[in-house]
Amino acid sequence: MRLARNHASILAQASLMVATLCWSILATASDADNGRILYRNNCSQCHGLKGTGNGINAPHLEVAPRNHTDHDEMIARTDEELFKAISEGGQSVNKSVLMPNWGKTLSPEEIEDLVAYLRVLCCQEQ
């Protein structure tokens, strides 16, 4: 009987872990989906719809916007650094002063969604 209870306990814990993992994966997907919408509405003017740095404002900027599809460049940035750059502007991470701070426009959750989408952009198959 004791052995059966241990197995039931292990099974319950494993089920909880699987459910948590599935929820995490679903949450990340929806975060990136929301980030895609935010990116299109707030970032694409400079960074382009596909994140390659060729938005309609790009030719008029002294410093080219970052190419968010550049895997090596983007993977070198931590999520915290990306969050700070979006929230506080490019100058906060020693990048372009032309990158505005979005922290007064977007919520922390929205900025996290943008970071999730940036990870999709930089890591997708080209």
N, C-alpha and C. Protein backbone atom coordinates (compact mmCIF):
# COMPACT_ATOMS: atom_id res chain seq x y z
N MET A 1 0.83 -1.19 0.00
CA MET A 1 0.00 0.00 0.00
C MET A 1 0.87 1.26 0.00
N ARG A 2 1.92 1.21 0.81
CA ARG A 2 2.82 2.35 0.90
C ARG A 2 3.49 2.61 -0.46
N LEU A 3 3.88 1.56 -1.14
CA LEU A 3 4.51 1.66 -2.45
C LEU A 3 3.54 2.29 -3.46
N ALA A 4 2.28 1.92 -3.39
CA ALA A 4 1.27 2.47 -4.30
C ALA A 4 1.11 3.97 -4.07
N ARG A 5 1.14 4.39 -2.79
CA ARG A 5 1.03 5.82 -2.49
C ARG A 5 2.23 6.59 -3.03
N ASN A 6 3.43 6.00 -2.91
CA ASN A 6 4.62 6.66 -3.44
C ASN A 6 4.53 6.81 -4.95
N HIS A 7 4.06 5.76 -5.62
CA HIS A 7 3.91 5.84 -7.08
C HIS A 7 2.87 6.90 -7.45
N ALA A 8 1.79 6.95 -6.70
CA ALA A 8 0.75 7.95 -6.97
C ALA A 8 1.30 9.36 -6.76
N SER A 9 2.09 9.53 -5.72
CA SER A 9 2.69 10.83 -5.44
C SER A 9 3.66 11.23 -6.56
N ILE A 10 4.48 10.30 -7.00
CA ILE A 10 5.42 10.57 -8.08
C ILE A 10 4.66 10.90 -9.36
N LEU A 11 3.61 10.16 -9.64
CA LEU A 11 2.80 10.41 -10.83
C LEU A 11 2.15 11.79 -10.77
N ALA A 12 1.66 12.16 -9.61
CA ALA A 12 1.03 13.48 -9.44
C ALA A 12 2.06 14.59 -9.65
N GLN A 13 3.25 14.41 -9.09
CA GLN A 13 4.31 15.41 -9.26
C GLN A 13 4.73 15.52 -10.72
N ALA A 14 4.86 14.39 -11.38
CA ALA A 14 5.24 14.39 -12.80
C ALA A 14 4.16 15.07 -13.64
N SER A 15 2.90 14.80 -13.32
CA SER A 15 1.80 15.44 -14.05
C SER A 15 1.83 16.95 -13.87
N LEU A 16 2.10 17.38 -12.65
CA LEU A 16 2.18 18.81 -12.38
C LEU A 16 3.34 19.44 -13.15
N MET A 17 4.47 18.75 -13.19
CA MET A 17 5.63 19.27 -13.93
C MET A 17 5.31 19.38 -15.42
N VAL A 18 4.67 18.39 -15.99
CA VAL A 18 4.31 18.41 -17.41
C VAL A 18 3.32 19.55 -17.67
N ALA A 19 2.33 19.71 -16.81
CA ALA A 19 1.35 20.78 -16.99
C ALA A 19 2.03 22.15 -16.91
N THR A 20 2.95 22.31 -15.97
CA THR A 20 3.68 23.57 -15.83
C THR A 20 4.51 23.85 -17.07
N LEU A 21 5.19 22.83 -17.58
CA LEU A 21 6.00 22.99 -18.78
C LEU A 21 5.13 23.37 -19.97
N CYS A 22 4.00 22.71 -20.13
CA CYS A 22 3.09 23.03 -21.24
C CYS A 22 2.58 24.47 -21.12
N TRP A 23 2.22 24.88 -19.91
CA TRP A 23 1.75 26.25 -19.70
C TRP A 23 2.85 27.24 -20.04
N SER A 24 4.07 26.94 -19.65
CA SER A 24 5.20 27.82 -19.94
C SER A 24 5.40 27.97 -21.44
N ILE A 25 5.32 26.87 -22.17
CA ILE A 25 5.49 26.91 -23.62
C ILE A 25 4.37 27.71 -24.26
N LEU A 26 3.14 27.50 -23.82
CA LEU A 26 2.00 28.24 -24.38
C LEU A 26 2.11 29.72 -24.05
N ALA A 27 2.51 30.03 -22.82
CA ALA A 27 2.65 31.43 -22.43
C ALA A 27 3.72 32.11 -23.27
N THR A 28 4.84 31.44 -23.51
CA THR A 28 5.90 32.02 -24.32
C THR A 28 5.42 32.27 -25.73
N ALA A 29 4.67 31.34 -26.30
CA ALA A 29 4.16 31.52 -27.65
C ALA A 29 3.23 32.71 -27.72
N SER A 30 2.32 32.84 -26.76
CA SER A 30 1.39 33.96 -26.80
C SER A 30 2.12 35.26 -26.50
N ASP A 31 3.15 35.23 -25.66
CA ASP A 31 3.94 36.43 -25.39
C ASP A 31 4.60 36.91 -26.67
N ALA A 32 5.19 36.00 -27.43
CA ALA A 32 5.84 36.36 -28.69
C ALA A 32 4.81 36.84 -29.71
N ASP A 33 3.62 36.25 -29.72
CA ASP A 33 2.57 36.71 -30.63
C ASP A 33 2.16 38.14 -30.30
N ASN A 34 1.98 38.43 -29.03
CA ASN A 34 1.67 39.79 -28.62
C ASN A 34 2.84 40.72 -28.94
N GLY A 35 4.06 40.23 -28.71
CA GLY A 35 5.25 41.01 -29.04
C GLY A 35 5.33 41.35 -30.52
N ARG A 36 4.90 40.42 -31.37
CA ARG A 36 4.90 40.67 -32.82
C ARG A 36 3.99 41.85 -33.16
N ILE A 37 2.83 41.88 -32.54
CA ILE A 37 1.89 42.98 -32.77
C ILE A 37 2.48 44.30 -32.27
N LEU A 38 3.05 44.27 -31.07
CA LEU A 38 3.68 45.47 -30.52
C LEU A 38 4.84 45.93 -31.39
N TYR A 39 5.62 44.98 -31.89
CA TYR A 39 6.76 45.29 -32.75
C TYR A 39 6.28 45.99 -34.02
N ARG A 40 5.26 45.43 -34.63
CA ARG A 40 4.71 46.01 -35.86
C ARG A 40 4.24 47.44 -35.60
N ASN A 41 3.59 47.67 -34.47
CA ASN A 41 3.02 48.99 -34.17
C ASN A 41 4.04 50.01 -33.68
N ASN A 42 5.11 49.56 -33.04
CA ASN A 42 6.03 50.50 -32.39
C ASN A 42 7.46 50.49 -32.91
N CYS A 43 7.90 49.40 -33.50
CA CYS A 43 9.32 49.25 -33.83
C CYS A 43 9.60 49.20 -35.33
N SER A 44 8.61 48.80 -36.10
CA SER A 44 8.84 48.53 -37.53
C SER A 44 9.16 49.78 -38.34
N GLN A 45 8.80 50.95 -37.85
CA GLN A 45 9.13 52.18 -38.59
C GLN A 45 10.63 52.31 -38.80
N CYS A 46 11.40 51.89 -37.83
CA CYS A 46 12.87 51.96 -37.94
C CYS A 46 13.47 50.59 -38.27
N HIS A 47 13.01 49.55 -37.58
CA HIS A 47 13.63 48.23 -37.72
C HIS A 47 13.04 47.40 -38.86
N GLY A 48 11.94 47.84 -39.46
CA GLY A 48 11.32 47.11 -40.56
C GLY A 48 10.37 46.04 -40.06
N LEU A 49 9.43 45.66 -40.90
CA LEU A 49 8.44 44.65 -40.52
C LEU A 49 9.07 43.30 -40.22
N LYS A 50 10.15 42.97 -40.89
CA LYS A 50 10.82 41.69 -40.67
C LYS A 50 12.00 41.80 -39.71
N GLY A 51 12.24 43.00 -39.16
CA GLY A 51 13.29 43.18 -38.17
C GLY A 51 14.69 43.29 -38.73
N THR A 52 14.83 43.52 -40.03
CA THR A 52 16.16 43.56 -40.65
C THR A 52 16.82 44.92 -40.59
N GLY A 53 16.16 45.91 -39.98
CA GLY A 53 16.76 47.23 -39.83
C GLY A 53 16.49 48.15 -41.01
N ASN A 54 15.54 47.79 -41.85
CA ASN A 54 15.28 48.59 -43.06
C ASN A 54 13.89 49.21 -43.07
N GLY A 55 13.46 49.73 -41.93
CA GLY A 55 12.16 50.38 -41.86
C GLY A 55 12.14 51.67 -42.66
N ILE A 56 10.96 52.26 -42.82
CA ILE A 56 10.85 53.45 -43.66
C ILE A 56 11.62 54.65 -43.10
N ASN A 57 11.89 54.67 -41.81
CA ASN A 57 12.68 55.76 -41.23
C ASN A 57 14.18 55.52 -41.34
N ALA A 58 14.59 54.29 -41.57
CA ALA A 58 16.01 53.93 -41.54
C ALA A 58 16.90 54.79 -42.43
N PRO A 59 16.52 55.09 -43.67
CA PRO A 59 17.41 55.89 -44.52
C PRO A 59 17.66 57.30 -43.99
N HIS A 60 16.81 57.77 -43.10
CA HIS A 60 16.91 59.14 -42.59
C HIS A 60 17.63 59.21 -41.24
N LEU A 61 18.11 58.08 -40.74
CA LEU A 61 18.78 58.04 -39.45
C LEU A 61 20.29 58.02 -39.63
N GLU A 62 21.01 58.73 -38.76
CA GLU A 62 22.47 58.74 -38.83
C GLU A 62 23.06 57.38 -38.48
N VAL A 63 22.41 56.67 -37.57
CA VAL A 63 22.87 55.35 -37.16
C VAL A 63 21.83 54.34 -37.64
N ALA A 64 22.29 53.31 -38.33
CA ALA A 64 21.36 52.29 -38.84
C ALA A 64 20.71 51.54 -37.68
N PRO A 65 19.41 51.31 -37.76
CA PRO A 65 18.74 50.51 -36.73
C PRO A 65 19.29 49.08 -36.71
N ARG A 66 19.28 48.48 -35.54
CA ARG A 66 19.79 47.12 -35.40
C ARG A 66 18.98 46.14 -36.24
N ASN A 67 19.70 45.19 -36.80
CA ASN A 67 19.08 44.08 -37.53
C ASN A 67 18.75 43.01 -36.50
N HIS A 68 17.50 42.89 -36.15
CA HIS A 68 17.08 41.93 -35.12
C HIS A 68 17.08 40.49 -35.60
N THR A 69 17.34 40.27 -36.88
CA THR A 69 17.44 38.89 -37.38
C THR A 69 18.88 38.39 -37.39
N ASP A 70 19.83 39.24 -37.00
CA ASP A 70 21.24 38.85 -36.94
C ASP A 70 21.46 37.98 -35.70
N HIS A 71 21.46 36.68 -35.91
CA HIS A 71 21.52 35.72 -34.81
C HIS A 71 22.70 35.97 -33.89
N ASP A 72 23.89 36.10 -34.44
CA ASP A 72 25.09 36.25 -33.60
C ASP A 72 25.04 37.52 -32.76
N GLU A 73 24.60 38.60 -33.34
CA GLU A 73 24.52 39.87 -32.62
C GLU A 73 23.45 39.81 -31.53
N MET A 74 22.31 39.26 -31.86
CA MET A 74 21.20 39.25 -30.91
C MET A 74 21.40 38.23 -29.79
N ILE A 75 22.00 37.10 -30.12
CA ILE A 75 22.20 36.07 -29.09
C ILE A 75 23.23 36.53 -28.05
N ALA A 76 24.06 37.50 -28.45
CA ALA A 76 25.06 38.05 -27.52
C ALA A 76 24.43 39.00 -26.50
N ARG A 77 23.19 39.37 -26.72
CA ARG A 77 22.47 40.27 -25.81
C ARG A 77 21.60 39.47 -24.86
N THR A 78 21.67 39.81 -23.59
CA THR A 78 20.81 39.15 -22.61
C THR A 78 19.39 39.71 -22.72
N ASP A 79 18.43 38.96 -22.21
CA ASP A 79 17.06 39.46 -22.16
C ASP A 79 16.99 40.75 -21.35
N GLU A 80 17.78 40.82 -20.29
CA GLU A 80 17.79 42.01 -19.44
C GLU A 80 18.30 43.22 -20.21
N GLU A 81 19.33 43.03 -21.03
CA GLU A 81 19.86 44.14 -21.82
C GLU A 81 18.84 44.60 -22.86
N LEU A 82 18.18 43.65 -23.50
CA LEU A 82 17.14 44.01 -24.47
C LEU A 82 16.00 44.75 -23.78
N PHE A 83 15.59 44.26 -22.62
CA PHE A 83 14.52 44.91 -21.86
C PHE A 83 14.92 46.35 -21.54
N LYS A 84 16.15 46.53 -21.07
CA LYS A 84 16.63 47.87 -20.70
C LYS A 84 16.68 48.78 -21.91
N ALA A 85 17.17 48.28 -23.04
CA ALA A 85 17.25 49.10 -24.25
C ALA A 85 15.86 49.56 -24.69
N ILE A 86 14.88 48.67 -24.60
CA ILE A 86 13.52 49.03 -24.99
C ILE A 86 12.92 49.99 -23.96
N SER A 87 13.07 49.66 -22.70
CA SER A 87 12.46 50.44 -21.64
C SER A 87 13.08 51.83 -21.48
N GLU A 88 14.43 51.88 -21.52
CA GLU A 88 15.12 53.13 -21.21
C GLU A 88 15.76 53.80 -22.42
N GLY A 89 15.70 53.15 -23.58
CA GLY A 89 16.27 53.74 -24.79
C GLY A 89 17.68 53.23 -25.07
N GLY A 90 18.11 53.44 -26.29
CA GLY A 90 19.41 52.94 -26.74
C GLY A 90 20.59 53.47 -25.94
N GLN A 91 20.52 54.72 -25.54
CA GLN A 91 21.62 55.32 -24.80
C GLN A 91 21.88 54.60 -23.48
N SER A 92 20.86 53.99 -22.90
CA SER A 92 21.01 53.31 -21.61
C SER A 92 21.92 52.08 -21.69
N VAL A 93 22.10 51.55 -22.91
CA VAL A 93 22.97 50.38 -23.11
C VAL A 93 24.10 50.73 -24.08
N ASN A 94 24.48 52.00 -24.07
CA ASN A 94 25.58 52.51 -24.90
C ASN A 94 25.35 52.27 -26.39
N LYS A 95 24.11 52.40 -26.81
CA LYS A 95 23.75 52.30 -28.23
C LYS A 95 23.19 53.65 -28.67
N SER A 96 22.57 53.69 -29.80
CA SER A 96 22.12 54.95 -30.40
C SER A 96 21.17 55.74 -29.50
N VAL A 97 21.44 57.05 -29.42
CA VAL A 97 20.54 57.95 -28.68
C VAL A 97 19.22 58.12 -29.42
N LEU A 98 19.17 57.69 -30.68
CA LEU A 98 17.95 57.81 -31.47
C LEU A 98 16.91 56.75 -31.11
N MET A 99 17.35 55.68 -30.45
CA MET A 99 16.42 54.65 -30.01
C MET A 99 15.66 55.19 -28.80
N PRO A 100 14.34 55.43 -28.95
CA PRO A 100 13.59 56.04 -27.85
C PRO A 100 13.37 55.08 -26.69
N ASN A 101 13.06 55.66 -25.54
CA ASN A 101 12.69 54.84 -24.39
C ASN A 101 11.18 54.61 -24.46
N TRP A 102 10.81 53.34 -24.41
CA TRP A 102 9.40 52.97 -24.51
C TRP A 102 8.80 52.66 -23.14
N GLY A 103 9.57 52.84 -22.08
CA GLY A 103 9.12 52.49 -20.74
C GLY A 103 7.94 53.29 -20.23
N LYS A 104 7.72 54.47 -20.79
CA LYS A 104 6.57 55.28 -20.37
C LYS A 104 5.36 55.04 -21.26
N THR A 105 5.57 54.31 -22.35
CA THR A 105 4.50 54.02 -23.29
C THR A 105 4.00 52.59 -23.14
N LEU A 106 4.93 51.67 -22.92
CA LEU A 106 4.61 50.25 -22.82
C LEU A 106 4.76 49.76 -21.39
N SER A 107 3.95 48.81 -21.00
CA SER A 107 4.05 48.21 -19.67
C SER A 107 5.25 47.27 -19.63
N PRO A 108 5.73 46.93 -18.43
CA PRO A 108 6.81 45.94 -18.34
C PRO A 108 6.45 44.61 -19.01
N GLU A 109 5.18 44.20 -18.90
CA GLU A 109 4.75 42.96 -19.54
C GLU A 109 4.83 43.06 -21.05
N GLU A 110 4.45 44.21 -21.60
CA GLU A 110 4.54 44.40 -23.05
C GLU A 110 5.99 44.39 -23.51
N ILE A 111 6.87 44.98 -22.72
CA ILE A 111 8.29 44.98 -23.08
C ILE A 111 8.83 43.55 -23.02
N GLU A 112 8.41 42.77 -22.03
CA GLU A 112 8.80 41.35 -21.98
C GLU A 112 8.30 40.61 -23.22
N ASP A 113 7.10 40.94 -23.68
CA ASP A 113 6.56 40.33 -24.90
C ASP A 113 7.41 40.70 -26.11
N LEU A 114 7.86 41.94 -26.16
CA LEU A 114 8.75 42.36 -27.26
C LEU A 114 10.06 41.58 -27.22
N VAL A 115 10.61 41.40 -26.03
CA VAL A 115 11.85 40.62 -25.90
C VAL A 115 11.62 39.20 -26.39
N ALA A 116 10.48 38.61 -26.02
CA ALA A 116 10.16 37.25 -26.49
C ALA A 116 10.09 37.22 -28.02
N TYR A 117 9.51 38.24 -28.62
CA TYR A 117 9.42 38.29 -30.08
C TYR A 117 10.80 38.49 -30.71
N LEU A 118 11.64 39.31 -30.10
CA LEU A 118 13.01 39.49 -30.62
C LEU A 118 13.75 38.16 -30.65
N ARG A 119 13.51 37.32 -29.66
CA ARG A 119 14.14 35.99 -29.64
C ARG A 119 13.62 35.13 -30.79
N VAL A 120 12.37 35.29 -31.15
CA VAL A 120 11.84 34.57 -32.31
C VAL A 120 12.49 35.09 -33.59
N LEU A 121 12.57 36.41 -33.72
CA LEU A 121 13.16 37.01 -34.92
C LEU A 121 14.60 36.55 -35.15
N CYS A 122 15.38 36.55 -34.09
CA CYS A 122 16.81 36.25 -34.26
C CYS A 122 17.09 34.77 -34.42
N CYS A 123 16.15 33.94 -34.05
CA CYS A 123 16.43 32.50 -34.05
C CYS A 123 15.64 31.71 -35.08
N GLN A 124 14.79 32.37 -35.85
CA GLN A 124 14.00 31.63 -36.85
C GLN A 124 14.87 31.30 -38.06
N GLU A 125 14.45 30.28 -38.77
CA GLU A 125 15.15 29.89 -40.00
C GLU A 125 14.96 30.99 -41.03
N GLN A 126 16.02 31.36 -41.68
CA GLN A 126 15.94 32.41 -42.71
C GLN A 126 15.60 31.84 -44.05
